[in-house]
């Protein structure tokens, strides 16, 4: 089942269950997807939808950090609940060993020898890892391998 169809089905079940928090989060995701489709006049693939979800999760994590530093745990808890709902629709995260193997394969595939080739390695890695691992951490691991 396509990810958009899965989101719509979950929206219906959240309506039936009268789960307002879950319904609101799913509606936000569907709204962001629809907005991008209308703006660019395209139909998004599952990879594009995952990229939107990754962005939404990242925004919420930033908000959680800001709310916690401002001593607003009530707002941080709302954001954490939204992160939990959004992560249900994202692909399963990769383990550190899997990420390490993918990095090694990307380095050999791109023929990278030093830091100047980092862009090539990240270009190979991004489609494989998008939404399944933190790209910031992956970038740091690639840097350490190439250094």
Protein backbone atom coordinates (compact mmCIF):
# COMPACT_ATOMS: atom_id res chain seq x y z
CA UNK A 1 0.00 0.00 0.00
CA UNK A 2 1.29 3.45 -0.87
CA UNK A 3 2.28 5.66 2.04
CA UNK A 4 -0.34 8.31 1.17
CA UNK A 5 -3.07 5.64 1.19
CA UNK A 6 -1.80 4.37 4.53
CA UNK A 7 -1.96 7.91 5.96
CA UNK A 8 -5.52 8.36 4.72
CA UNK A 9 -6.61 5.03 6.20
CA UNK A 10 -5.04 5.92 9.55
CA UNK A 11 -6.79 9.29 9.40
CA UNK A 12 -10.13 7.50 9.05
CA UNK A 13 -9.38 5.14 11.92
CA UNK A 14 -8.29 8.06 14.13
CA UNK A 15 -11.60 9.79 13.34
CA UNK A 16 -13.53 6.67 14.27
CA UNK A 17 -11.56 6.30 17.50
CA UNK A 18 -12.01 10.00 18.27
CA UNK A 19 -8.25 10.30 18.87
CA UNK A 20 -7.89 14.05 18.37
CA UNK A 21 -4.14 14.26 18.92
CA UNK A 22 -3.36 11.51 16.41
CA UNK A 23 -5.89 12.85 13.93
CA UNK A 24 -4.42 16.34 14.13
CA UNK A 25 -0.90 15.08 13.47
CA UNK A 26 -1.98 12.96 10.51
CA UNK A 27 -3.90 15.91 9.10
CA UNK A 28 -0.79 18.09 9.41
CA UNK A 29 1.22 15.51 7.46
CA UNK A 30 -1.44 15.16 4.76
CA UNK A 31 -1.68 18.93 4.52
CA UNK A 32 2.08 19.30 4.04
CA UNK A 33 2.01 16.61 1.34
CA UNK A 34 -0.95 18.19 -0.46
CA UNK A 35 0.67 21.64 -0.25
CA UNK A 36 3.82 20.41 -1.96
CA UNK A 37 1.81 18.58 -4.62
CA UNK A 38 -0.19 21.71 -5.40
CA UNK A 39 2.84 24.02 -5.34
CA UNK A 40 4.90 21.88 -7.67
CA UNK A 41 1.98 20.41 -9.66
CA UNK A 42 3.23 16.86 -9.24
CA UNK A 43 2.18 13.64 -7.52
CA UNK A 44 4.65 12.77 -4.79
CA UNK A 45 6.29 9.36 -4.57
CA UNK A 46 6.74 7.50 -1.29
CA UNK A 47 10.35 8.76 -1.12
CA UNK A 48 9.17 12.36 -1.43
CA UNK A 49 6.57 11.79 1.28
CA UNK A 50 9.21 10.26 3.56
CA UNK A 51 11.38 13.35 2.99
CA UNK A 52 8.48 15.56 4.09
CA UNK A 53 7.93 13.40 7.17
CA UNK A 54 11.66 13.56 8.02
CA UNK A 55 11.51 17.34 7.81
CA UNK A 56 8.43 17.46 10.04
CA UNK A 57 10.08 15.20 12.66
CA UNK A 58 13.23 17.34 12.59
CA UNK A 59 11.16 20.52 13.13
CA UNK A 60 9.42 18.92 16.09
CA UNK A 61 12.69 17.75 17.64
CA UNK A 62 14.00 21.32 17.40
CA UNK A 63 10.80 22.56 19.04
CA UNK A 64 11.12 20.01 21.86
CA UNK A 65 14.64 21.23 22.59
CA UNK A 66 13.51 24.85 22.66
CA UNK A 67 10.46 24.12 24.81
CA UNK A 68 12.51 22.12 27.31
CA UNK A 69 15.13 24.86 27.56
CA UNK A 70 12.30 27.33 28.24
CA UNK A 71 10.82 25.03 30.94
CA UNK A 72 7.63 24.36 28.96
CA UNK A 73 7.33 20.61 29.41
CA UNK A 74 3.61 20.69 28.52
CA UNK A 75 4.38 21.93 24.99
CA UNK A 76 7.38 19.61 24.66
CA UNK A 77 5.14 16.62 25.46
CA UNK A 78 2.72 17.61 22.66
CA UNK A 79 5.61 17.77 20.18
CA UNK A 80 6.95 14.39 21.37
CA UNK A 81 3.52 12.83 20.84
CA UNK A 82 3.46 14.20 17.29
CA UNK A 83 6.94 12.78 16.65
CA UNK A 84 5.72 9.35 17.79
CA UNK A 85 2.79 9.45 15.38
CA UNK A 86 4.91 10.64 12.45
CA UNK A 87 7.59 8.01 13.05
CA UNK A 88 4.98 5.25 12.67
CA UNK A 89 4.76 6.05 8.96
CA UNK A 90 8.48 6.28 8.32
CA UNK A 91 10.67 3.31 7.29
CA UNK A 92 12.36 1.25 9.99
CA UNK A 93 15.53 2.96 11.24
CA UNK A 94 18.89 1.41 10.38
CA UNK A 95 21.19 0.04 13.06
CA UNK A 96 24.68 1.51 13.45
CA UNK A 97 26.20 -1.61 11.89
CA UNK A 98 23.94 -1.31 8.82
CA UNK A 99 24.81 2.37 8.44
CA UNK A 100 28.51 1.54 8.73
CA UNK A 101 28.25 -1.13 6.01
CA UNK A 102 26.35 1.27 3.72
CA UNK A 103 29.02 3.95 4.25
CA UNK A 104 31.81 1.49 3.39
CA UNK A 105 29.96 0.39 0.24
CA UNK A 106 29.32 4.00 -0.80
CA UNK A 107 32.99 4.92 -0.34
CA UNK A 108 34.14 2.02 -2.50
CA UNK A 109 31.39 2.59 -5.08
CA UNK A 110 32.21 6.29 -5.48
CA UNK A 111 35.96 5.72 -5.37
CA UNK A 112 36.35 8.34 -2.64
CA UNK A 113 39.86 8.85 -1.33
CA UNK A 114 39.73 12.00 0.79
CA UNK A 115 37.46 14.72 2.17
CA UNK A 116 37.05 16.36 -1.24
CA UNK A 117 35.04 13.32 -2.35
CA UNK A 118 32.55 13.56 0.52
CA UNK A 119 29.83 14.97 -1.75
CA UNK A 120 30.07 11.92 -4.01
CA UNK A 121 29.75 9.57 -1.05
CA UNK A 122 26.78 11.47 0.40
CA UNK A 123 25.14 11.48 -3.05
CA UNK A 124 25.32 7.69 -3.12
CA UNK A 125 24.18 7.32 0.51
CA UNK A 126 21.26 9.76 0.67
CA UNK A 127 18.73 7.73 -1.36
CA UNK A 128 19.55 4.59 0.66
CA UNK A 129 19.44 6.20 4.09
CA UNK A 130 16.87 9.04 3.76
CA UNK A 131 14.38 8.76 6.60
CA UNK A 132 16.08 5.73 8.10
CA UNK A 133 19.03 7.42 9.84
CA UNK A 134 20.02 10.89 11.02
CA UNK A 135 21.85 12.43 8.06
CA UNK A 136 23.89 14.66 10.40
CA UNK A 137 25.32 11.64 12.20
CA UNK A 138 25.89 9.83 8.91
CA UNK A 139 27.77 12.86 7.59
CA UNK A 140 29.99 12.82 10.67
CA UNK A 141 30.70 9.10 10.22
CA UNK A 142 31.60 9.64 6.55
CA UNK A 143 33.91 12.49 7.56
CA UNK A 144 35.70 10.31 10.09
CA UNK A 145 36.10 7.46 7.56
CA UNK A 146 37.51 9.79 4.88
CA UNK A 147 39.85 11.66 7.21
